[in-house]
C-alpha atoms as a PDB file:
ATOM      1  CA  MET A   1      14.280 -40.540 -19.372  1.00  0.00           C
ATOM      2  CA  SER A   2      16.087 -40.715 -16.713  1.00  0.00           C
ATOM      3  CA  GLU A   3      14.376 -42.692 -13.262  1.00  0.00           C
ATOM      4  CA  THR A   4      15.266 -39.241 -12.000  1.00  0.00           C
ATOM      5  CA  TYR A   5      12.187 -38.293 -14.037  1.00  0.00           C
ATOM      6  CA  GLN A   6      10.278 -41.527 -14.445  1.00  0.00           C
ATOM      7  CA  GLY A   7       7.214 -39.836 -12.322  1.00  0.00           C
ATOM      8  CA  LEU A   8       6.885 -36.387 -14.266  1.00  0.00           C
ATOM      9  CA  THR A   9       3.482 -36.341 -16.447  1.00  0.00           C
ATOM     10  CA  GLN A  10       3.413 -33.511 -18.506  1.00  0.00           C
ATOM     11  CA  LEU A  11       7.220 -32.655 -19.499  1.00  0.00           C
ATOM     12  CA  GLY A  12       8.165 -34.767 -22.590  1.00  0.00           C
ATOM     13  CA  HIS A  13       3.942 -35.390 -23.528  1.00  0.00           C
ATOM     14  CA  ALA A  14       0.897 -33.277 -24.993  1.00  0.00           C
ATOM     15  CA  SER A  15      -0.280 -31.803 -22.425  1.00  0.00           C
ATOM     16  CA  ALA A  16      -3.517 -29.537 -22.164  1.00  0.00           C
ATOM     17  CA  GLN A  17      -4.083 -26.433 -20.456  1.00  0.00           C
ATOM     18  CA  PRO A  18      -5.463 -27.135 -16.930  1.00  0.00           C
ATOM     19  CA  ALA A  19      -9.226 -25.575 -16.686  1.00  0.00           C
ATOM     20  CA  THR A  20      -8.551 -24.591 -12.989  1.00  0.00           C
ATOM     21  CA  PRO A  21      -5.535 -24.013 -10.708  1.00  0.00           C
ATOM     22  CA  GLU A  22      -7.152 -26.591  -8.752  1.00  0.00           C
ATOM     23  CA  GLN A  23      -6.767 -29.272 -11.485  1.00  0.00           C
ATOM     24  CA  ALA A  24      -3.376 -28.226 -12.768  1.00  0.00           C
ATOM     25  CA  VAL A  25      -0.445 -30.602 -12.289  1.00  0.00           C
ATOM     26  CA  LEU A  26       2.468 -28.858  -9.796  1.00  0.00           C
ATOM     27  CA  GLU A  27       5.670 -31.008 -10.543  1.00  0.00           C
ATOM     28  CA  ARG A  28       8.952 -30.790  -8.499  1.00  0.00           C
ATOM     29  CA  VAL A  29      12.042 -33.185  -8.538  1.00  0.00           C
ATOM     30  CA  PRO A  30      15.033 -33.264  -6.865  1.00  0.00           C
ATOM     31  CA  ASN A  31      17.321 -30.556  -6.576  1.00  0.00           C
ATOM     32  CA  PRO A  32      20.673 -31.383  -9.302  1.00  0.00           C
ATOM     33  CA  HIS A  33      22.592 -29.208  -6.396  1.00  0.00           C
ATOM     34  CA  ALA A  34      21.050 -30.149  -3.143  1.00  0.00           C
ATOM     35  CA  GLY A  35      23.453 -28.219  -0.254  1.00  0.00           C
ATOM     36  CA  THR A  36      24.072 -25.645  -2.325  1.00  0.00           C
ATOM     37  CA  ALA A  37      22.069 -21.904  -2.199  1.00  0.00           C
ATOM     38  CA  TYR A  38      21.569 -20.409  -5.167  1.00  0.00           C
ATOM     39  CA  LEU A  39      18.534 -18.382  -6.258  1.00  0.00           C
ATOM     40  CA  VAL A  40      16.228 -19.453  -8.680  1.00  0.00           C
ATOM     41  CA  ARG A  41      13.934 -16.967 -10.702  1.00  0.00           C
ATOM     42  CA  PHE A  42      10.380 -17.366 -12.614  1.00  0.00           C
ATOM     43  CA  THR A  43       9.379 -14.208 -14.552  1.00  0.00           C
ATOM     44  CA  CYS A  44       5.430 -14.046 -16.153  1.00  0.00           C
ATOM     45  CA  PRO A  45       5.105 -11.135 -18.023  1.00  0.00           C
ATOM     46  CA  GLU A  46       2.139 -12.080 -19.379  1.00  0.00           C
ATOM     47  CA  PHE A  47       0.092 -13.525 -16.288  1.00  0.00           C
ATOM     48  CA  THR A  48      -3.797 -13.426 -17.002  1.00  0.00           C
ATOM     49  CA  SER A  49      -6.974 -13.854 -14.569  1.00  0.00           C
ATOM     50  CA  LEU A  50     -10.480 -12.192 -14.864  1.00  0.00           C
ATOM     51  CA  CYS A  51     -12.452 -10.653 -12.313  1.00  0.00           C
ATOM     52  CA  PRO A  52     -14.046 -12.392  -9.994  1.00  0.00           C
ATOM     53  CA  ILE A  53     -16.791  -9.461  -9.978  1.00  0.00           C
ATOM     54  CA  THR A  54     -17.299  -8.737 -13.365  1.00  0.00           C
ATOM     55  CA  GLY A  55     -15.214 -11.244 -15.459  1.00  0.00           C
ATOM     56  CA  GLN A  56     -12.818  -8.540 -17.238  1.00  0.00           C
ATOM     57  CA  PRO A  57      -9.494  -9.508 -17.661  1.00  0.00           C
ATOM     58  CA  ASP A  58      -6.716  -8.814 -15.535  1.00  0.00           C
ATOM     59  CA  PHE A  59      -2.968  -8.486 -16.544  1.00  0.00           C
ATOM     60  CA  ALA A  60       0.383  -8.989 -14.068  1.00  0.00           C
ATOM     61  CA  HIS A  61       3.625  -9.370 -14.280  1.00  0.00           C
ATOM     62  CA  ILE A  62       4.671 -12.228 -12.068  1.00  0.00           C
ATOM     63  CA  VAL A  63       8.194 -12.713 -10.863  1.00  0.00           C
ATOM     64  CA  ILE A  64       8.634 -15.725  -8.506  1.00  0.00           C
ATOM     65  CA  ASP A  65      12.035 -15.795  -6.669  1.00  0.00           C
ATOM     66  CA  TYR A  66      12.741 -19.413  -4.515  1.00  0.00           C
ATOM     67  CA  VAL A  67      16.180 -20.835  -2.886  1.00  0.00           C
ATOM     68  CA  PRO A  68      15.505 -24.287  -3.186  1.00  0.00           C
ATOM     69  CA  ASP A  69      16.505 -27.098  -0.670  1.00  0.00           C
ATOM     70  CA  GLY A  70      15.312 -30.947  -1.694  1.00  0.00           C
ATOM     71  CA  TRP A  71      13.234 -30.008  -4.999  1.00  0.00           C
ATOM     72  CA  ILE A  72      13.043 -27.362  -7.504  1.00  0.00           C
ATOM     73  CA  VAL A  73       9.865 -26.940  -9.728  1.00  0.00           C
ATOM     74  CA  GLU A  74       9.434 -28.932 -13.103  1.00  0.00           C
ATOM     75  CA  SER A  75       9.147 -25.372 -14.983  1.00  0.00           C
ATOM     76  CA  LYS A  76       6.490 -27.415 -17.866  1.00  0.00           C
ATOM     77  CA  SER A  77       3.877 -28.191 -14.809  1.00  0.00           C
ATOM     78  CA  LEU A  78       4.673 -24.472 -13.529  1.00  0.00           C
ATOM     79  CA  LYS A  79       4.133 -22.748 -16.625  1.00  0.00           C
ATOM     80  CA  LEU A  80       0.809 -24.778 -16.890  1.00  0.00           C
ATOM     81  CA  TYR A  81      -0.152 -23.761 -13.874  1.00  0.00           C
ATOM     82  CA  LEU A  82       0.051 -19.804 -14.661  1.00  0.00           C
ATOM     83  CA  ALA A  83      -1.818 -20.537 -17.495  1.00  0.00           C
ATOM     84  CA  SER A  84      -4.675 -21.896 -15.570  1.00  0.00           C
ATOM     85  CA  PHE A  85      -5.464 -18.589 -13.979  1.00  0.00           C
ATOM     86  CA  ARG A  86      -6.757 -17.509 -17.252  1.00  0.00           C
ATOM     87  CA  ASN A  87     -10.290 -18.519 -16.800  1.00  0.00           C
ATOM     88  CA  HIS A  88     -10.064 -18.475 -12.893  1.00  0.00           C
ATOM     89  CA  GLY A  89     -11.828 -15.444 -11.063  1.00  0.00           C
ATOM     90  CA  ALA A  90     -10.360 -13.800  -8.060  1.00  0.00           C
ATOM     91  CA  PHE A  91      -8.475 -10.457  -6.262  1.00  0.00           C
ATOM     92  CA  HIS A  92      -4.907 -10.078  -7.505  1.00  0.00           C
ATOM     93  CA  GLU A  93      -4.372 -10.591  -3.750  1.00  0.00           C
ATOM     94  CA  ALA A  94      -5.541 -14.238  -3.729  1.00  0.00           C
ATOM     95  CA  CYS A  95      -4.085 -15.290  -7.059  1.00  0.00           C
ATOM     96  CA  THR A  96      -0.556 -13.932  -6.002  1.00  0.00           C
ATOM     97  CA  MET A  97      -0.836 -15.827  -2.592  1.00  0.00           C
ATOM     98  CA  ASP A  98      -2.370 -18.649  -4.267  1.00  0.00           C
ATOM     99  CA  ILE A  99       0.918 -19.152  -6.257  1.00  0.00           C
ATOM    100  CA  ALA A 100       3.175 -18.698  -3.531  1.00  0.00           C
ATOM    101  CA  GLN A 101       1.445 -20.771  -1.136  1.00  0.00           C
ATOM    102  CA  ARG A 102       1.373 -23.447  -3.794  1.00  0.00           C
ATOM    103  CA  LEU A 103       4.672 -23.349  -4.607  1.00  0.00           C
ATOM    104  CA  VAL A 104       5.993 -23.176  -1.325  1.00  0.00           C
ATOM    105  CA  ALA A 105       3.368 -26.223  -0.415  1.00  0.00           C
ATOM    106  CA  LEU A 106       5.218 -28.240  -2.926  1.00  0.00           C
ATOM    107  CA  LEU A 107       8.822 -27.615  -2.784  1.00  0.00           C
ATOM    108  CA  ASP A 108       9.269 -26.483   1.291  1.00  0.00           C
ATOM    109  CA  PRO A 109      11.950 -24.114  -0.285  1.00  0.00           C
ATOM    110  CA  LEU A 110      15.172 -22.798   1.654  1.00  0.00           C
ATOM    111  CA  TRP A 111      13.017 -18.886   0.762  1.00  0.00           C
ATOM    112  CA  LEU A 112      10.129 -18.186  -1.347  1.00  0.00           C
ATOM    113  CA  ARG A 113       9.049 -13.871  -2.707  1.00  0.00           C
ATOM    114  CA  ILE A 114       6.895 -13.313  -5.136  1.00  0.00           C
ATOM    115  CA  GLY A 115       5.911 -10.085  -6.441  1.00  0.00           C
ATOM    116  CA  GLY A 116       2.766  -9.646  -8.697  1.00  0.00           C
ATOM    117  CA  TYR A 117       2.867  -6.300 -10.384  1.00  0.00           C
ATOM    118  CA  TRP A 118      -0.085  -5.925 -11.646  1.00  0.00           C
ATOM    119  CA  PHE A 119      -1.465  -3.382 -14.530  1.00  0.00           C
ATOM    120  CA  PRO A 120      -4.854  -1.104 -13.142  1.00  0.00           C
ATOM    121  CA  ARG A 121      -7.754  -1.992 -12.501  1.00  0.00           C
ATOM    122  CA  GLY A 122     -10.261   1.195 -11.882  1.00  0.00           C
ATOM    123  CA  GLY A 123      -7.515   3.410 -12.457  1.00  0.00           C
ATOM    124  CA  ILE A 124      -5.438   1.434  -9.456  1.00  0.00           C
ATOM    125  CA  PRO A 125      -2.624  -0.367  -9.776  1.00  0.00           C
ATOM    126  CA  ILE A 126      -2.152  -3.418  -7.361  1.00  0.00           C
ATOM    127  CA  ASP A 127       0.431  -4.915  -6.431  1.00  0.00           C
ATOM    128  CA  VAL A 128       1.298  -7.859  -4.246  1.00  0.00           C
ATOM    129  CA  PHE A 129       4.446  -8.662  -2.580  1.00  0.00           C
ATOM    130  CA  TRP A 130       5.435 -11.686  -0.128  1.00  0.00           C
ATOM    131  CA  GLN A 131       7.859 -13.836   1.296  1.00  0.00           C
ATOM    132  CA  THR A 132       8.308 -16.505   3.567  1.00  0.00           C
ATOM    133  CA  GLY A 133      11.186 -14.704   5.999  1.00  0.00           C
ATOM    134  CA  ALA A 134      14.876 -13.658   5.077  1.00  0.00           C
ATOM    135  CA  PRO A 135      16.739 -15.187   2.699  1.00  0.00           C
ATOM    136  CA  PRO A 136      19.745 -17.224   3.229  1.00  0.00           C
ATOM    137  CA  ALA A 137      22.993 -15.633   4.128  1.00  0.00           C
ATOM    138  CA  GLY A 138      25.592 -15.596   0.882  1.00  0.00           C
ATOM    139  CA  VAL A 139      22.889 -15.887  -1.295  1.00  0.00           C
ATOM    140  CA  TRP A 140      22.448 -12.865  -4.448  1.00  0.00           C
ATOM    141  CA  VAL A 141      18.859 -11.275  -4.515  1.00  0.00           C
ATOM    142  CA  PRO A 142      19.331  -9.169  -7.433  1.00  0.00           C
ATOM    143  CA  ASP A 143      15.831  -6.757  -7.671  1.00  0.00           C
ATOM    144  CA  GLN A 144      13.090  -7.888  -9.647  1.00  0.00           C
ATOM    145  CA  GLY A 145      13.423  -5.316 -11.860  1.00  0.00           C
ATOM    146  CA  VAL A 146       9.980  -4.325 -12.178  1.00  0.00           C
ATOM    147  CA  ALA A 147       9.571  -0.509 -11.802  1.00  0.00           C
ATOM    148  CA  PRO A 148       6.517   0.364 -10.215  1.00  0.00           C
ATOM    149  CA  TYR A 149       3.512   1.633 -12.208  1.00  0.00           C
ATOM    150  CA  ARG A 150       4.097   5.019 -14.219  1.00  0.00           C
ATOM    151  CA  GLY A 151       2.165   3.913 -17.083  1.00  0.00           C
ATOM    152  CA  ARG A 152       4.001   0.406 -17.609  1.00  0.00           C
ATOM    153  CA  GLY A 153       4.979  -0.942 -20.499  1.00  0.00           C
END
Protein backbone atom coordinates (compact mmCIF):
# COMPACT_ATOMS: atom_id res chain seq x y z
CA MET A 1 0.00 0.00 0.00
CA SER A 2 1.30 3.45 -0.88
CA GLU A 3 2.70 5.55 1.96
CA THR A 4 -0.08 8.06 1.23
CA TYR A 5 -2.67 5.52 2.36
CA GLN A 6 -0.81 3.93 5.32
CA GLY A 7 -3.09 5.44 7.97
CA LEU A 8 -6.32 3.96 6.58
CA THR A 9 -7.88 1.47 8.97
CA GLN A 10 -10.84 0.16 6.94
CA LEU A 11 -9.95 0.06 3.25
CA GLY A 12 -8.38 -3.30 2.43
CA HIS A 13 -9.42 -4.73 5.80
CA ALA A 14 -12.49 -6.55 7.09
CA SER A 15 -14.56 -3.84 8.76
CA ALA A 16 -17.66 -4.36 10.84
CA GLN A 17 -20.57 -1.96 10.54
CA PRO A 18 -20.29 0.60 13.37
CA ALA A 19 -23.12 0.43 15.92
CA THR A 20 -23.65 4.21 15.94
CA PRO A 21 -22.60 7.24 13.87
CA GLU A 22 -20.48 8.40 16.82
CA GLN A 23 -18.52 5.13 16.74
CA ALA A 24 -18.02 5.27 12.96
CA VAL A 25 -14.56 6.24 11.76
CA LEU A 26 -14.61 8.57 8.77
CA GLU A 27 -11.27 8.65 7.00
CA ARG A 28 -9.73 11.00 4.47
CA VAL A 29 -6.91 10.87 1.98
CA PRO A 30 -5.01 13.65 0.24
CA ASN A 31 -6.80 15.10 -2.77
CA PRO A 32 -4.91 13.74 -5.81
CA HIS A 33 -5.87 16.87 -7.76
CA ALA A 34 -5.52 19.58 -5.14
CA GLY A 35 -5.68 22.98 -6.78
CA THR A 36 -8.24 21.82 -9.36
CA ALA A 37 -11.87 22.67 -8.62
CA TYR A 38 -14.03 19.63 -9.37
CA LEU A 39 -17.20 18.15 -7.93
CA VAL A 40 -17.47 14.80 -6.14
CA ARG A 41 -20.91 13.22 -5.71
CA PHE A 42 -21.97 10.39 -3.42
CA THR A 43 -25.48 8.99 -3.75
CA CYS A 44 -27.02 6.75 -1.11
CA PRO A 45 -30.47 5.74 -2.41
CA GLU A 46 -31.13 3.26 0.42
CA PHE A 47 -30.28 5.28 3.53
CA THR A 48 -32.09 4.14 6.67
CA SER A 49 -32.41 5.38 10.23
CA LEU A 50 -34.95 5.05 13.02
CA CYS A 51 -37.63 7.39 14.29
CA PRO A 52 -36.39 8.49 17.73
CA ILE A 53 -39.89 8.27 19.20
CA THR A 54 -41.49 5.16 17.66
CA GLY A 55 -38.39 3.19 16.63
CA GLN A 56 -39.94 2.65 13.20
CA PRO A 57 -37.55 2.70 10.21
CA ASP A 58 -37.18 5.81 8.07
CA PHE A 59 -35.86 5.73 4.51
CA ALA A 60 -34.13 8.38 2.44
CA HIS A 61 -32.22 9.03 -0.74
CA ILE A 62 -29.15 11.04 0.32
CA VAL A 63 -27.07 12.98 -2.21
CA ILE A 64 -23.77 14.57 -1.11
CA ASP A 65 -21.91 16.92 -3.45
CA TYR A 66 -18.62 18.54 -2.51
CA VAL A 67 -15.69 20.38 -4.04
CA PRO A 68 -12.58 19.10 -2.26
CA ASP A 69 -9.67 21.23 -1.17
CA GLY A 70 -6.79 19.29 0.40
CA TRP A 71 -8.73 16.12 1.27
CA ILE A 72 -11.22 13.63 -0.15
CA VAL A 73 -13.29 11.24 1.92
CA GLU A 74 -12.34 7.59 1.72
CA SER A 75 -15.46 5.97 0.27
CA LYS A 76 -15.51 2.72 2.30
CA SER A 77 -15.41 4.71 5.52
CA LEU A 78 -18.26 6.89 4.23
CA LYS A 79 -20.30 3.78 3.35
CA LEU A 80 -19.79 2.37 6.84
CA TYR A 81 -20.61 5.73 8.44
CA LEU A 82 -23.87 6.03 6.50
CA ALA A 83 -24.78 2.43 7.35
CA SER A 84 -24.25 3.19 11.04
CA PHE A 85 -27.47 5.23 11.02
CA ARG A 86 -29.54 2.04 10.55
CA ASN A 87 -29.99 1.61 14.30
CA HIS A 88 -29.74 5.30 15.16
CA GLY A 89 -32.80 7.17 16.33
CA ALA A 90 -32.95 10.76 15.06
CA PHE A 91 -35.27 13.02 13.13
CA HIS A 92 -34.70 13.54 9.40
CA GLU A 93 -33.25 17.00 9.90
CA ALA A 94 -30.76 15.75 12.51
CA CYS A 95 -29.53 12.84 10.37
CA THR A 96 -29.06 15.00 7.28
CA MET A 97 -27.27 17.81 9.12
CA ASP A 98 -25.11 15.42 11.19
CA ILE A 99 -23.78 13.89 7.97
CA ALA A 100 -23.08 17.28 6.39
CA GLN A 101 -21.41 18.77 9.44
CA ARG A 102 -19.25 15.73 10.08
CA LEU A 103 -17.99 15.80 6.48
CA VAL A 104 -17.28 19.52 6.64
CA ALA A 105 -15.34 19.05 9.89
CA LEU A 106 -13.31 16.17 8.39
CA LEU A 107 -12.60 17.57 4.94
CA ASP A 108 -12.82 21.37 5.16
CA PRO A 109 -14.01 21.33 1.54
CA LEU A 110 -14.22 24.36 -0.70
CA TRP A 111 -17.97 23.68 -0.88
CA LEU A 112 -20.44 21.02 0.22
CA ARG A 113 -24.16 20.49 -0.19
CA ILE A 114 -26.45 17.71 0.92
CA GLY A 115 -29.92 16.73 -0.16
CA GLY A 116 -31.85 14.42 2.15
CA TYR A 117 -34.89 13.21 0.21
CA TRP A 118 -36.92 11.39 2.86
CA PHE A 119 -39.81 9.07 2.13
CA PRO A 120 -43.09 9.98 3.85
CA ARG A 121 -43.58 9.54 7.56
CA GLY A 122 -47.18 10.02 8.65
CA GLY A 123 -48.08 10.85 5.05
CA ILE A 124 -45.68 13.83 4.83
CA PRO A 125 -42.35 13.64 2.99
CA ILE A 126 -39.63 15.72 4.61
CA ASP A 127 -36.74 16.83 2.42
CA VAL A 128 -33.71 18.52 4.00
CA PHE A 129 -31.22 20.64 2.03
CA TRP A 130 -28.08 22.47 3.16
CA GLN A 131 -24.92 23.88 1.65
CA THR A 132 -21.89 25.71 2.96
CA GLY A 133 -22.37 28.71 0.62
CA ALA A 134 -22.10 29.41 -3.07
CA PRO A 135 -20.17 26.85 -5.12
CA PRO A 136 -16.79 27.93 -6.47
CA ALA A 137 -16.89 29.72 -9.82
CA GLY A 138 -16.41 27.48 -12.81
CA VAL A 139 -17.42 24.22 -11.12
CA TRP A 140 -20.17 22.30 -12.88
CA VAL A 141 -22.83 21.50 -10.30
CA PRO A 142 -25.53 19.29 -11.83
CA ASP A 143 -29.01 18.94 -10.42
CA GLN A 144 -29.15 16.23 -7.76
CA GLY A 145 -31.54 14.26 -9.96
CA VAL A 146 -34.11 13.36 -7.31
CA ALA A 147 -37.64 14.44 -8.22
CA PRO A 148 -39.90 16.08 -5.64
CA TYR A 149 -42.10 13.53 -3.93
CA ARG A 150 -45.03 12.31 -6.04
CA GLY A 151 -45.10 8.67 -5.10
CA ARG A 152 -41.29 8.38 -5.21
CA GLY A 153 -40.04 5.07 -6.43
